[in-house]
């Protein structure tokens, strides 16, 4: 029972890390798009 709980905790932790990583990549892409858009307006 303890090993199952530990396994679920590890999986949950990794899932949260993955979500933060995807969110960070999305923000980086959004910033890059804004830079390109600004350059295109000039």
N, C-alpha and C. Protein backbone atom coordinates (compact mmCIF):
# COMPACT_ATOMS: atom_id res chain seq x y z
N UNK A 1 0.82 -1.20 0.00
CA UNK A 1 0.00 0.00 0.00
C UNK A 1 0.87 1.27 0.00
N UNK A 2 1.97 1.24 0.78
CA UNK A 2 2.84 2.41 0.82
C UNK A 2 3.53 2.64 -0.52
N UNK A 3 3.91 1.57 -1.19
CA UNK A 3 4.59 1.74 -2.47
C UNK A 3 3.64 2.33 -3.51
N UNK A 4 2.37 1.95 -3.45
CA UNK A 4 1.38 2.52 -4.37
C UNK A 4 1.20 4.01 -4.11
N UNK A 5 1.15 4.40 -2.85
CA UNK A 5 1.02 5.81 -2.49
C UNK A 5 2.24 6.59 -2.95
N UNK A 6 3.42 6.03 -2.75
CA UNK A 6 4.64 6.70 -3.18
C UNK A 6 4.67 6.84 -4.70
N UNK A 7 4.26 5.81 -5.39
CA UNK A 7 4.23 5.85 -6.85
C UNK A 7 3.27 6.93 -7.34
N UNK A 8 2.10 7.01 -6.75
CA UNK A 8 1.13 8.03 -7.14
C UNK A 8 1.65 9.45 -6.85
N UNK A 9 2.35 9.60 -5.73
CA UNK A 9 2.93 10.91 -5.40
C UNK A 9 3.98 11.30 -6.42
N UNK A 10 4.82 10.37 -6.81
CA UNK A 10 5.87 10.66 -7.81
C UNK A 10 5.25 11.01 -9.15
N UNK A 11 4.25 10.27 -9.57
CA UNK A 11 3.58 10.54 -10.85
C UNK A 11 2.92 11.92 -10.81
N UNK A 12 2.28 12.26 -9.70
CA UNK A 12 1.66 13.57 -9.57
C UNK A 12 2.68 14.69 -9.64
N UNK A 13 3.82 14.48 -8.98
CA UNK A 13 4.88 15.48 -8.98
C UNK A 13 5.43 15.69 -10.39
N UNK A 14 5.66 14.61 -11.10
CA UNK A 14 6.18 14.71 -12.47
C UNK A 14 5.17 15.38 -13.39
N UNK A 15 3.89 15.12 -13.16
CA UNK A 15 2.84 15.75 -13.97
C UNK A 15 2.85 17.26 -13.77
N UNK A 16 3.00 17.68 -12.51
CA UNK A 16 3.05 19.11 -12.24
C UNK A 16 4.27 19.75 -12.88
N UNK A 17 5.39 19.08 -12.84
CA UNK A 17 6.60 19.61 -13.48
C UNK A 17 6.39 19.74 -14.98
N UNK A 18 5.74 18.75 -15.58
CA UNK A 18 5.48 18.78 -17.02
C UNK A 18 4.58 19.94 -17.40
N UNK A 19 3.58 20.20 -16.59
CA UNK A 19 2.67 21.30 -16.88
C UNK A 19 3.40 22.63 -16.83
N UNK A 20 4.25 22.80 -15.84
CA UNK A 20 5.01 24.05 -15.74
C UNK A 20 5.94 24.21 -16.93
N UNK A 21 6.52 23.14 -17.38
CA UNK A 21 7.43 23.20 -18.52
C UNK A 21 6.67 23.61 -19.78
N UNK A 22 5.51 23.01 -20.01
CA UNK A 22 4.71 23.34 -21.19
C UNK A 22 4.25 24.78 -21.11
N UNK A 23 3.88 25.22 -19.93
CA UNK A 23 3.45 26.61 -19.76
C UNK A 23 4.60 27.56 -20.08
N UNK A 24 5.80 27.23 -19.63
CA UNK A 24 6.97 28.07 -19.88
C UNK A 24 7.30 28.15 -21.36
N UNK A 25 7.20 27.03 -22.04
CA UNK A 25 7.46 27.01 -23.49
C UNK A 25 6.43 27.87 -24.21
N UNK A 26 5.19 27.78 -23.79
CA UNK A 26 4.14 28.59 -24.40
C UNK A 26 4.40 30.08 -24.23
N UNK A 27 4.87 30.46 -23.04
CA UNK A 27 5.18 31.86 -22.79
C UNK A 27 6.35 32.32 -23.64
N UNK A 28 7.36 31.48 -23.79
CA UNK A 28 8.52 31.83 -24.62
C UNK A 28 8.10 32.03 -26.07
N UNK A 29 7.26 31.16 -26.57
CA UNK A 29 6.79 31.27 -27.96
C UNK A 29 5.97 32.54 -28.13
N UNK A 30 5.17 32.85 -27.12
CA UNK A 30 4.35 34.06 -27.18
C UNK A 30 5.22 35.31 -27.22
N UNK A 31 6.28 35.34 -26.42
CA UNK A 31 7.20 36.50 -26.42
C UNK A 31 7.92 36.62 -27.75
N UNK A 32 8.34 35.49 -28.31
CA UNK A 32 9.02 35.52 -29.60
C UNK A 32 8.07 36.03 -30.68
N UNK A 33 6.83 35.64 -30.63
CA UNK A 33 5.83 36.13 -31.58
C UNK A 33 5.63 37.63 -31.47
N UNK A 34 5.65 38.14 -30.26
CA UNK A 34 5.49 39.58 -30.06
C UNK A 34 6.67 40.35 -30.63
N UNK A 35 7.87 39.81 -30.49
CA UNK A 35 9.07 40.44 -31.06
C UNK A 35 8.98 40.45 -32.57
N UNK A 36 8.58 39.36 -33.16
CA UNK A 36 8.46 39.28 -34.62
C UNK A 36 7.38 40.23 -35.11
N UNK A 37 6.28 40.29 -34.39
CA UNK A 37 5.20 41.19 -34.77
C UNK A 37 5.66 42.66 -34.71
N UNK A 38 6.41 43.00 -33.67
CA UNK A 38 6.93 44.35 -33.54
C UNK A 38 7.88 44.71 -34.66
N UNK A 39 8.71 43.74 -35.06
CA UNK A 39 9.64 43.99 -36.15
C UNK A 39 8.90 44.14 -37.48
N UNK A 40 7.82 43.41 -37.64
CA UNK A 40 7.05 43.47 -38.89
C UNK A 40 6.32 44.80 -39.02
N UNK A 41 5.96 45.42 -37.91
CA UNK A 41 5.23 46.69 -37.96
C UNK A 41 6.14 47.86 -38.34
N UNK A 42 7.46 47.68 -38.16
CA UNK A 42 8.42 48.78 -38.46
C UNK A 42 8.61 48.95 -39.90
